[in-house]
Protein backbone atom coordinates (compact mmCIF):
# COMPACT_ATOMS: atom_id res chain seq x y z
CA MET A 1 0.76 -1.19 -27.80
CA LYS A 2 0.95 -4.72 -26.44
CA ARG A 3 2.34 -6.12 -29.69
CA ARG A 4 4.84 -3.27 -29.99
CA LEU A 5 6.08 -3.94 -26.47
CA GLU A 6 6.43 -7.66 -27.14
CA ALA A 7 8.38 -6.99 -30.33
CA ASP A 8 10.71 -4.43 -28.75
CA LYS A 9 13.23 -6.93 -27.37
CA GLU A 10 15.98 -4.32 -27.47
CA THR A 11 14.21 -2.10 -24.93
CA ILE A 12 12.27 -4.49 -22.66
CA GLU A 13 14.22 -6.06 -19.81
CA ALA A 14 11.38 -8.03 -18.22
CA LYS A 15 7.65 -8.59 -18.50
CA PHE A 16 5.45 -10.40 -16.01
CA SER A 17 1.84 -10.47 -14.88
CA GLU A 18 -0.24 -11.36 -11.86
CA ILE A 19 -3.94 -11.91 -11.37
CA SER A 20 -5.38 -10.91 -8.01
CA SER A 21 -8.83 -12.14 -6.99
CA THR A 22 -10.22 -10.84 -3.71
CA ALA A 23 -13.61 -10.63 -2.03
CA GLU A 24 -13.17 -6.86 -1.65
CA PHE A 25 -12.34 -5.92 -5.24
CA GLY A 26 -12.97 -8.90 -7.52
CA GLU A 27 -10.42 -9.92 -10.17
CA MET A 28 -7.65 -7.61 -11.33
CA ASN A 29 -5.03 -8.47 -13.96
CA VAL A 30 -1.75 -6.56 -13.57
CA THR A 31 0.90 -6.66 -16.31
CA THR A 32 4.28 -5.05 -15.67
CA TYR A 33 6.88 -4.01 -18.25
CA VAL A 34 10.40 -3.10 -17.09
CA PHE A 35 12.55 -1.23 -19.59
CA LYS A 36 16.31 -1.61 -19.80
CA ALA A 37 18.24 1.21 -18.18
CA LEU A 38 20.47 1.61 -21.23
CA SER A 39 19.07 0.52 -24.60
CA ARG A 40 20.34 3.48 -26.67
CA GLU A 41 23.67 5.28 -26.84
CA THR A 42 23.10 7.25 -23.64
CA VAL A 43 20.75 7.23 -20.65
CA LYS A 44 19.21 10.49 -21.89
CA GLU A 45 18.43 9.01 -25.32
CA THR A 46 17.03 5.87 -23.68
CA LYS A 47 14.64 7.88 -21.50
CA GLN A 48 13.57 10.04 -24.44
CA TYR A 49 12.84 6.96 -26.57
CA ILE A 50 10.79 5.27 -23.83
CA GLN A 51 8.82 8.44 -23.12
CA ARG A 52 8.15 9.07 -26.80
CA GLU A 53 7.11 5.52 -27.68
CA TYR A 54 5.28 4.24 -24.59
CA PHE A 55 4.44 6.98 -22.08
CA LYS A 56 1.55 9.30 -22.89
CA ASN A 57 1.05 12.31 -20.62
CA ASN A 58 3.36 10.78 -18.00
CA MET A 59 1.02 7.79 -17.55
CA THR A 60 3.04 5.15 -15.69
CA VAL A 61 0.17 3.01 -14.35
CA LEU A 62 -2.77 2.60 -16.73
CA PHE A 63 -6.20 1.45 -15.55
CA SER A 64 -8.36 0.05 -18.35
CA LEU A 65 -11.91 -1.24 -18.71
CA ASN A 66 -12.76 -3.38 -21.76
CA GLY A 67 -9.57 -2.20 -23.43
CA GLN A 68 -10.13 1.55 -22.87
CA VAL A 69 -7.98 3.60 -20.49
CA GLN A 70 -10.08 5.04 -17.63
CA GLY A 71 -7.43 6.59 -15.39
CA HIS A 72 -3.76 6.51 -14.47
CA TYR A 73 -1.01 7.13 -11.93
CA THR A 74 2.15 9.07 -12.75
CA SER A 75 5.70 8.01 -11.85
CA GLU A 76 4.98 9.38 -8.38
CA PHE A 77 3.42 5.98 -7.60
CA VAL A 78 6.75 4.27 -8.31
CA THR A 79 8.83 6.59 -6.14
CA ARG A 80 6.46 7.20 -3.22
CA SER A 81 4.30 4.09 -3.01
CA LEU A 82 6.60 1.38 -4.37
CA LYS A 83 9.71 3.23 -3.15
CA MET A 84 11.68 2.20 -6.23
CA PRO A 85 13.17 5.51 -7.47
CA LEU A 86 15.60 3.86 -9.87
CA LEU A 87 12.64 2.44 -11.83
CA LYS A 88 10.51 5.58 -12.07
CA ASP A 89 11.44 6.20 -15.73
CA TYR A 90 11.58 2.52 -16.67
CA LEU A 91 8.30 1.03 -15.51
CA LEU A 92 4.98 0.69 -17.33
CA ILE A 93 2.11 -1.05 -15.52
CA HIS A 94 -1.24 -2.02 -17.03
CA VAL A 95 -4.12 -2.82 -14.68
CA ASP A 96 -7.06 -4.53 -16.39
CA CYS A 97 -10.13 -3.71 -14.28
CA THR A 98 -12.73 -5.41 -16.50
CA ASN A 99 -13.51 -8.10 -13.92
CA LEU A 100 -13.60 -5.92 -10.84
CA HIS A 101 -16.89 -5.84 -8.96
CA LEU A 102 -19.37 -3.40 -10.50
CA GLU A 103 -19.64 -1.36 -7.32
CA VAL A 104 -15.84 -1.07 -7.20
CA ARG A 105 -15.66 0.16 -10.80
CA ASN A 106 -18.36 2.75 -10.06
CA GLU A 107 -16.26 4.09 -7.17
CA LEU A 108 -13.07 4.21 -9.27
CA PHE A 109 -13.84 5.66 -12.67
CA MET A 110 -15.22 8.99 -13.83
CA ALA A 111 -17.28 9.61 -16.95
CA SER A 112 -14.51 11.88 -18.29
CA ARG A 113 -12.03 8.93 -18.18
CA ASP A 114 -9.15 11.33 -17.47
CA ARG A 115 -8.46 10.37 -13.86
CA LEU A 116 -9.57 8.15 -10.98
CA LYS A 117 -12.12 9.31 -8.44
CA ALA A 118 -10.95 10.52 -5.06
CA SER A 119 -12.67 7.89 -2.92
CA GLU A 120 -11.93 5.44 -0.13
CA THR A 121 -12.24 2.59 -2.64
CA ALA A 122 -9.61 4.21 -4.87
CA GLU A 123 -7.24 4.59 -1.91
CA ALA A 124 -7.81 0.97 -0.86
CA LEU A 125 -7.09 -0.20 -4.41
CA ARG A 126 -3.89 1.86 -4.47
CA ARG A 127 -2.72 0.14 -1.28
CA HIS A 128 -3.64 -3.27 -2.69
CA LEU A 129 -1.71 -2.58 -5.90
CA ARG A 130 1.29 -1.43 -3.90
CA GLU A 131 1.28 -4.66 -1.86
CA LEU A 132 0.91 -6.70 -5.04
CA LEU A 133 3.87 -5.06 -6.81
CA SER A 134 6.19 -4.63 -3.81
CA THR A 135 7.03 -8.33 -3.76
CA GLY A 136 8.19 -10.88 -6.27
CA GLU A 137 10.07 -10.22 -9.50
CA LEU A 138 9.76 -6.44 -9.50
CA LYS A 139 11.29 -6.24 -6.03
CA ASP A 140 14.21 -8.40 -7.21
CA ILE A 141 14.84 -6.14 -10.23
CA ALA A 142 14.81 -3.01 -8.06
CA LYS A 143 17.20 -4.69 -5.63
CA ARG A 144 19.63 -5.63 -8.43
CA ARG A 145 19.73 -2.08 -9.78
CA LYS A 146 20.22 -0.67 -6.32
CA ALA A 147 23.03 -3.15 -5.59
CA SER A 148 24.93 -2.03 -8.69
CA LEU A 149 25.05 1.49 -7.21
CA MET A 150 26.77 0.36 -4.03
CA VAL A 151 30.39 1.43 -3.80
CA GLY A 152 32.98 1.20 -1.07
CA SER A 153 35.37 4.09 -1.58
CA GLU A 154 37.62 4.71 1.41
CA ASP A 155 38.91 7.92 -0.17
CA ALA A 156 35.38 9.36 -0.41
CA GLY A 157 34.58 8.18 3.10
CA GLN A 158 37.69 9.82 4.51
CA MET A 159 36.95 13.05 2.64
CA LEU A 160 33.42 13.11 4.08
CA ARG A 161 34.75 12.60 7.62
CA ASP A 162 37.20 15.46 7.08
CA LEU A 163 34.48 17.74 5.77
CA THR A 164 32.08 17.10 8.64
CA ARG A 165 34.56 17.01 11.51
CA ASN A 166 34.12 20.71 12.38
CA LEU A 167 30.60 21.22 11.03
CA PRO A 168 28.53 23.09 13.66
CA MET A 169 25.14 21.47 14.34
CA ASN A 170 22.62 23.43 16.40
CA ASP A 171 19.20 22.09 17.44
CA ALA A 172 17.28 23.81 14.64
CA LEU A 173 19.61 22.49 11.96
CA THR A 174 19.58 18.99 13.43
CA LYS A 175 15.76 18.98 13.47
CA ILE A 176 15.60 19.85 9.75
CA LEU A 177 18.17 17.23 8.80
CA GLN A 178 16.56 14.47 10.86
CA GLN A 179 13.38 14.83 8.78
CA THR A 180 15.42 13.85 5.74
CA PHE A 181 17.81 11.19 7.01
CA GLN A 182 18.82 9.45 10.21
CA LEU A 183 21.34 11.61 11.96
CA SER A 184 23.49 10.41 14.82
CA VAL A 185 24.17 13.39 17.06
CA GLN A 186 26.86 13.05 19.70
CA LYS A 187 26.13 15.13 22.77
CA PRO A 188 28.90 16.92 24.69
CA GLY A 189 30.69 14.56 27.05
CA GLU A 190 29.57 11.41 25.25
CA ALA A 191 32.11 8.94 23.98
CA PRO A 192 31.88 8.14 20.28
CA LYS A 193 29.98 4.96 19.52
CA LYS A 194 31.97 2.10 18.11
CA GLU A 195 30.93 0.75 14.76
CA ARG A 196 29.76 -2.84 14.64
CA HIS A 197 31.50 -5.14 12.22
CA ASP A 198 29.69 -8.34 11.40
CA GLU A 199 31.90 -11.38 11.12
CA GLU A 200 32.27 -12.69 7.62
CA ARG A 201 30.55 -16.00 7.15
CA PRO A 202 31.80 -18.59 4.68
CA LYS A 203 29.80 -18.53 1.46
CA ARG A 204 28.05 -21.66 0.34
CA GLU A 205 29.00 -23.15 -2.96
CA PRO A 206 26.18 -22.74 -5.50
CA ARG A 207 24.37 -25.94 -6.37
CA GLU A 208 24.53 -27.24 -9.89
CA THR A 209 21.15 -27.00 -11.57
CA THR A 210 19.88 -28.42 -14.83
CA PRO A 211 19.13 -25.65 -17.36
CA PHE A 212 15.40 -25.13 -17.82
CA ASP A 213 14.15 -26.16 -21.27
CA PRO A 214 10.81 -24.38 -21.80
CA LYS A 215 8.14 -25.62 -24.19
CA ARG A 216 5.53 -23.62 -26.07
CA TYR A 217 2.74 -25.72 -24.55
CA PRO A 218 2.86 -27.51 -21.19
CA SER A 219 3.09 -31.28 -20.96
CA THR A 220 3.56 -31.54 -17.18
CA PHE A 221 1.86 -29.76 -14.26
CA GLN A 222 2.53 -30.92 -10.71
CA VAL A 223 2.14 -29.37 -7.26
CA ARG A 224 5.25 -29.11 -5.08
CA GLY A 225 5.63 -29.44 -1.33
CA GLY A 226 2.78 -29.72 1.14
CA ASP A 227 2.19 -30.35 4.85
CA GLY A 228 0.70 -33.81 4.46
CA LYS A 229 -2.01 -35.66 2.56
CA GLN A 230 -5.67 -36.53 2.82
CA GLY A 231 -5.99 -39.63 0.72
CA ASP A 232 -4.07 -38.86 -2.44
CA ILE A 233 -4.52 -35.08 -2.23
CA LYS A 234 -1.80 -32.86 -0.79
CA LEU A 235 -2.76 -30.67 2.17
CA PHE A 236 -1.44 -27.18 2.84
CA ARG A 237 -1.99 -25.39 6.14
CA LEU A 238 -2.84 -21.70 6.06
CA PRO A 239 -2.56 -19.78 9.36
CA MET A 240 -5.39 -17.36 10.07
CA GLY A 241 -4.36 -13.82 9.22
CA GLY A 242 -1.33 -15.07 7.31
CA THR A 243 -0.46 -15.96 3.73
CA ARG A 244 0.68 -19.10 1.98
CA THR A 245 2.29 -19.72 -1.41
CA ILE A 246 1.76 -22.95 -3.34
CA SER A 247 4.13 -23.75 -6.21
CA PHE A 248 3.46 -25.87 -9.26
CA ALA A 249 6.08 -27.28 -11.63
CA ALA A 250 5.29 -26.73 -15.31
CA ASP A 251 7.53 -27.10 -18.36
CA VAL A 252 6.10 -24.14 -20.27
CA GLU A 253 7.69 -20.86 -21.38
CA ASN A 254 7.46 -17.77 -19.18
CA GLU A 255 5.30 -15.85 -21.67
CA TYR A 256 2.61 -18.55 -21.87
CA PHE A 257 -0.12 -16.49 -20.18
CA ASP A 258 0.80 -13.11 -21.74
CA ARG A 259 1.83 -13.77 -25.33
CA SER A 260 -0.38 -12.34 -28.08
CA ASP A 261 -0.48 -15.51 -30.17
CA ASP A 262 -2.37 -18.42 -28.63
CA PRO A 263 -1.91 -17.61 -24.93
CA GLY A 264 -2.65 -20.14 -22.22
CA ASP A 265 -4.52 -19.79 -18.95
CA LEU A 266 -4.61 -21.12 -15.40
CA LYS A 267 -8.08 -21.40 -13.91
CA LEU A 268 -8.59 -21.79 -10.18
CA SER A 269 -11.78 -23.23 -8.71
CA VAL A 270 -12.39 -22.92 -4.97
CA LEU A 271 -14.79 -25.38 -3.31
CA GLN A 272 -15.68 -25.79 0.35
CA GLN A 273 -15.17 -29.28 1.74
CA GLY A 274 -16.47 -29.01 5.26
CA GLN A 275 -15.44 -28.56 8.87
CA SER A 276 -11.88 -29.82 9.55
CA ALA A 277 -10.19 -32.91 8.17
CA GLY A 278 -12.10 -35.42 10.24
CA THR A 279 -15.67 -34.64 9.26
CA GLY A 280 -15.16 -34.05 5.58
CA GLY A 281 -18.46 -33.27 3.96
CA PRO A 282 -19.86 -32.72 0.50
CA LEU A 283 -18.26 -30.20 -1.79
CA ALA A 284 -20.16 -27.00 -2.41
CA ALA A 285 -20.33 -25.27 -5.77
CA PRO A 286 -17.23 -23.33 -6.84
CA SER A 287 -16.94 -19.91 -5.24
CA GLN A 288 -17.76 -17.26 -7.84
CA GLN A 289 -16.81 -14.17 -5.85
CA GLY A 290 -13.62 -15.35 -4.15
CA ASP A 291 -15.45 -15.07 -0.83
CA LEU A 292 -13.38 -17.80 0.86
CA LEU A 293 -9.86 -16.96 -0.29
CA ASP A 294 -7.97 -14.00 -1.70
CA LEU A 295 -5.90 -15.45 -4.55
CA ARG A 296 -2.83 -14.29 -6.45
CA ARG A 297 -1.58 -16.05 -9.55
CA SER A 298 1.77 -15.29 -11.16
CA ASN A 299 2.89 -16.12 -14.65
CA PRO A 300 5.38 -19.00 -15.17
CA ALA A 301 8.94 -18.27 -14.10
CA ASP A 302 11.54 -20.78 -15.31
CA GLY A 303 9.33 -23.80 -14.71
CA THR A 304 7.40 -22.61 -11.65
CA ILE A 305 3.88 -21.19 -11.33
CA LYS A 306 2.95 -19.77 -7.94
CA ILE A 307 -0.40 -18.95 -6.37
CA GLY A 308 -0.68 -16.92 -3.19
CA LEU A 309 -3.44 -17.53 -0.64
CA LYS A 310 -4.99 -15.48 2.14
CA ALA A 311 -8.15 -16.48 3.98
CA SER A 312 -11.10 -14.10 4.00
CA SER A 313 -13.21 -13.31 7.04
CA GLN A 314 -15.76 -15.95 5.97
CA MET A 315 -13.43 -18.82 6.85
CA ASN A 316 -13.08 -20.26 10.35
CA VAL A 317 -10.25 -22.18 11.96
CA GLY A 318 -10.57 -25.84 11.00
CA ASP A 319 -12.30 -25.19 7.66
CA THR A 320 -10.84 -27.10 4.75
CA ILE A 321 -11.31 -26.04 1.16
CA GLU A 322 -10.36 -27.64 -2.11
CA ILE A 323 -8.58 -25.77 -4.89
CA ARG A 324 -8.54 -27.16 -8.41
CA ALA A 325 -5.90 -25.65 -10.67
CA SER A 326 -6.46 -26.25 -14.38
CA LEU A 327 -3.63 -25.35 -16.78
CA SER A 328 -4.78 -25.13 -20.39
CA SER A 329 -3.07 -27.24 -23.05
CA PRO A 330 -3.95 -28.21 -26.66
CA VAL A 331 -3.95 -31.90 -25.70
CA GLY A 332 -6.31 -31.33 -22.76
CA ASP A 333 -6.24 -29.33 -19.55
CA LEU A 334 -3.71 -30.40 -16.92
CA VAL A 335 -5.40 -30.49 -13.51
CA GLU A 336 -3.98 -30.54 -9.99
CA THR A 337 -6.06 -30.56 -6.80
CA VAL A 338 -4.91 -29.43 -3.36
CA LEU A 339 -6.55 -29.00 0.03
CA VAL A 340 -6.06 -25.91 2.16
CA GLN A 341 -6.87 -26.00 5.88
CA LEU A 342 -7.18 -22.87 8.00
CA THR A 343 -5.21 -23.19 11.23
CA ASP A 344 -4.67 -21.06 14.32
CA PRO A 345 -2.53 -17.95 13.85
CA GLU A 346 1.19 -18.55 13.99
CA ARG A 347 2.75 -17.84 17.34
CA LYS A 348 5.66 -15.51 16.89
CA THR A 349 8.55 -16.44 19.12
CA VAL A 350 10.34 -13.45 20.55
CA GLU A 351 14.02 -13.97 19.93
CA PRO A 352 16.66 -11.90 21.72
CA GLN A 353 17.69 -9.10 19.42
CA PRO A 354 21.33 -8.05 19.14
CA GLU A 355 22.23 -4.54 20.15
CA PRO A 356 21.22 -2.31 17.24
CA ALA A 357 23.96 -0.77 15.20
CA PRO A 358 24.41 3.00 15.49
CA PRO A 359 21.99 4.92 13.26
CA LEU A 360 23.15 6.06 9.87
CA GLY A 361 24.80 9.43 9.69
CA ILE A 362 24.56 11.96 6.91
CA PRO A 363 24.31 10.65 3.33
CA ASP A 364 27.22 8.72 1.85
CA LEU A 365 29.43 10.59 -0.55
CA VAL A 366 30.03 8.71 -3.81
CA LEU A 367 32.56 10.19 -6.21
CA CYS A 368 32.04 9.52 -9.91
CA SER A 369 34.21 9.98 -12.98
CA ARG A 370 34.08 9.25 -16.68
CA ASP A 371 36.39 6.21 -16.55
CA GLY A 372 36.03 5.15 -12.90
CA ALA A 373 39.66 5.96 -12.06
CA ASN A 374 40.96 6.17 -8.48
CA ASN A 375 38.22 3.96 -7.03
CA THR A 376 35.39 6.19 -8.26
CA LYS A 377 32.09 5.09 -9.83
CA SER A 378 32.25 5.23 -13.61
CA TRP A 379 29.60 6.82 -15.80
CA ASP A 380 28.99 3.47 -17.53
CA GLU A 381 28.28 1.76 -14.19
CA LEU A 382 25.71 4.42 -13.32
CA ALA A 383 24.15 4.20 -16.79
CA LEU A 384 23.38 0.51 -16.24
CA THR A 385 21.13 1.53 -13.35
CA GLY A 386 19.42 4.32 -15.29
CA LEU A 387 21.28 7.26 -13.74
CA GLU A 388 22.47 9.78 -16.29
CA MET A 389 25.99 11.14 -15.81
CA ASP A 390 27.91 13.17 -18.37
CA PHE A 391 29.84 16.44 -18.62
CA ASP A 392 26.67 18.47 -18.01
CA VAL A 393 25.63 16.63 -14.83
CA VAL A 394 27.09 17.75 -11.50
CA VAL A 395 25.26 15.75 -8.83
CA HIS A 396 22.66 13.02 -8.30
CA PRO A 397 20.93 12.80 -4.89
CA PHE A 398 19.75 9.23 -4.31
CA VAL A 399 16.63 8.81 -2.16
CA GLU A 400 15.83 5.53 -0.42
CA GLU A 401 12.76 4.96 1.76
CA ASP A 402 12.10 8.73 1.68
CA LYS A 403 15.58 9.36 3.10
CA LEU A 404 18.53 10.94 1.31
CA SER A 405 20.99 8.05 1.50
CA ARG A 406 23.74 8.89 -1.03
CA ILE A 407 25.00 11.88 -3.00
CA TYR A 408 26.77 11.09 -6.29
CA ILE A 409 29.16 13.88 -7.32
CA ASN A 410 30.67 14.01 -10.80
CA LEU A 411 34.42 14.75 -10.79
CA ASP A 412 34.47 15.07 -14.57
CA SER A 413 31.75 17.67 -14.93
CA GLY A 414 32.41 20.54 -17.29
CA ILE A 415 31.99 23.00 -14.43
CA LEU A 416 34.80 21.44 -12.39
CA ARG A 417 37.07 21.21 -15.42
CA ASP A 418 36.58 24.91 -16.11
CA PHE A 419 37.08 25.72 -12.43
CA LYS A 420 40.42 23.83 -12.34
CA SER A 421 41.66 25.17 -15.65
CA GLY A 422 43.08 28.33 -14.09
CA ASN A 423 45.10 26.40 -11.50
CA ARG A 424 48.47 24.92 -12.36
CA SER A 425 50.06 23.26 -9.31
CA ALA A 426 49.00 19.84 -8.03
CA ASP A 427 48.15 21.29 -4.61
CA ALA A 428 45.96 23.98 -6.18
CA ILE A 429 44.13 21.40 -8.29
CA GLU A 430 43.54 19.16 -5.25
CA LEU A 431 42.23 22.11 -3.24
CA ALA A 432 39.93 23.12 -6.10
CA GLU A 433 38.55 19.58 -6.28
CA ARG A 434 37.95 19.37 -2.55
CA ARG A 435 36.28 22.78 -2.62
CA TYR A 436 34.04 21.57 -5.44
CA VAL A 437 33.09 18.37 -3.59
CA SER A 438 32.43 20.12 -0.27
CA THR A 439 30.36 22.91 -1.86
CA ILE A 440 28.23 20.60 -4.01
CA TYR A 441 27.76 18.04 -1.22
CA PHE A 442 26.57 20.44 1.47
CA HIS A 443 24.42 22.58 -0.80
CA THR A 444 22.76 19.42 -2.15
CA LEU A 445 22.21 18.15 1.38
CA PHE A 446 20.64 21.37 2.71
CA LEU A 447 18.62 22.14 -0.43
CA PHE A 448 17.06 18.68 -0.28
CA ALA A 449 16.54 18.74 3.48
CA THR A 450 14.99 22.20 3.55
CA THR A 451 12.71 21.63 0.55
CA LYS A 452 11.45 18.36 1.98
CA SER A 453 11.06 19.55 5.57
CA ARG A 454 9.07 22.61 4.46
CA LYS A 455 6.67 20.32 2.50
CA TYR A 456 7.23 22.00 -0.85
CA ALA A 457 5.75 20.38 -3.96
CA VAL A 458 7.72 20.97 -7.16
CA ARG A 459 6.10 21.16 -10.60
CA ARG A 460 7.46 22.01 -14.02
CA GLY A 461 6.02 22.84 -17.46
CA GLU A 462 5.56 25.44 -20.15
CA ASP A 463 1.98 26.26 -19.13
CA ASP A 464 -0.73 25.07 -16.72
CA SER A 465 -1.89 22.28 -19.02
CA ASP A 466 1.65 20.94 -19.38
CA MET A 467 2.65 20.91 -15.70
CA VAL A 468 4.08 17.69 -14.27
CA ASP A 469 5.22 16.80 -10.75
CA VAL A 470 8.99 16.73 -10.19
CA GLU A 471 10.69 14.72 -7.46
CA ILE A 472 12.81 16.77 -5.06
CA ALA A 473 15.94 14.78 -5.96
CA ASP A 474 15.45 15.55 -9.67
CA TYR A 475 14.79 19.20 -8.87
CA VAL A 476 18.01 19.55 -6.87
CA SER A 477 20.04 17.73 -9.53
CA ASP A 478 18.62 19.97 -12.25
CA LEU A 479 19.54 23.12 -10.30
CA PHE A 480 23.23 22.21 -10.50
CA THR A 481 23.15 21.68 -14.27
CA SER A 482 22.54 25.41 -14.66
CA SER A 483 24.89 28.21 -13.65
CA TYR A 484 24.05 27.61 -9.98
CA ALA A 485 27.03 25.27 -9.44
CA GLN A 486 29.38 27.65 -11.24
CA PHE A 487 28.17 30.50 -9.02
CA LEU A 488 28.76 28.46 -5.85
CA LEU A 489 32.30 27.60 -6.84
CA SER A 490 33.10 31.21 -7.66
CA PHE A 491 31.64 32.40 -4.36
CA ASP A 492 33.88 32.65 -1.28
CA THR A 493 33.61 29.42 0.71
CA SER A 494 36.75 29.83 2.81
CA GLU A 495 34.99 28.63 5.95
CA LEU A 496 34.35 25.23 4.41
CA ILE A 497 37.90 25.01 3.09
CA GLU A 498 39.25 25.74 6.58
CA ALA A 499 37.08 22.94 7.98
CA ILE A 500 39.03 20.32 6.02
CA GLY A 501 42.25 21.31 7.70
């Protein structure tokens, strides 16, 4: 599969890897593949291709031992642990557990090799993997896709204010909704809170940078930055309980560590120097179990290789250790040496916080159309983020941090077109459209809120052996693709229509 993934340039958007070495688990190599949101004619065809070619039994995170799969996570890990719902169908993660401690492997894997054990070690590893993947390049990709969904439509905002102006909210209803999103409830007699508007700051002009010219094999390898020197060796201070990142400049291509043909490697040796900078002391043998530092090593990224450091409980304030980084090269390994000194924990200064902005209200309404007319979000814009929108799709609830943050409603759905076909005047068409938006919006909101607040788990499949978990947002969206939306529009909703004046 690795060679097929590397050759599939049309489908793969990004590939990167990290090696984590900790005293608790040992060494774990994590390789992440991010698929493009739109690599075929439609989002639906793209998802079907990815599932058919690369996902077996909904395995999103694969755990392997000596090349054999021992267990997996489903896409639930992406939505609930990583909180990256836009990537749930576009992420494949391989975790090589070959170099984990033996006792850790025994607590993780079952003889059947069909799933991971339910153990404290397995839960701790899940948390560690979440922390490892929630930062860095994957976080940036998720942020870019999320940013492309942002839209500022005053028409949609005004429509939402009109729809909710006379909406009755009793205590029971408010309690259900507040479990799903932050709801600002104005009590009788209270003045409405004023919205805060941050002043626009002048944007800095981007600096001109020299384009990076990668090489197949490295010829330079040099540490950047530092807090000082001891002799000719750069010193980096690491606060107890904190983390530190050390960057190295290298002129090698990004795929150097992961490519199938003649890959390179970065080896890190940790040696203990002694107590503080003044006393020095002889160097001990390299640490074999990572008992002094927890280390993270990323693959090259446009000329930069980063390692992350965190001190283990076996280090004391004042201890200084030496790290030797050796980057492989056909002409001879390139070696850089740095010193890391453990210092007192950083003192966090308490800065006066500005008055918090009012909490978010009910989810934003985002209107979508085929061509993006009238300040709506076009289908093509949504497709670039991996959201499918066509004549069959009515609504997409978007969940962020376990909260329903936006509801995307399709104004060019086949159901709305059929609903408007019997109306002739412009006023009748406008009323039909507003009825459609109000009905779909509020039913989506309350279906999601009720299902989530009642702790329902949704599964789907032809039989028991084929059942897969379904996210609540996908479940609600799928409901409206059936005759449910058509039924709602045909049903008498005069009370909602009266609410919009």
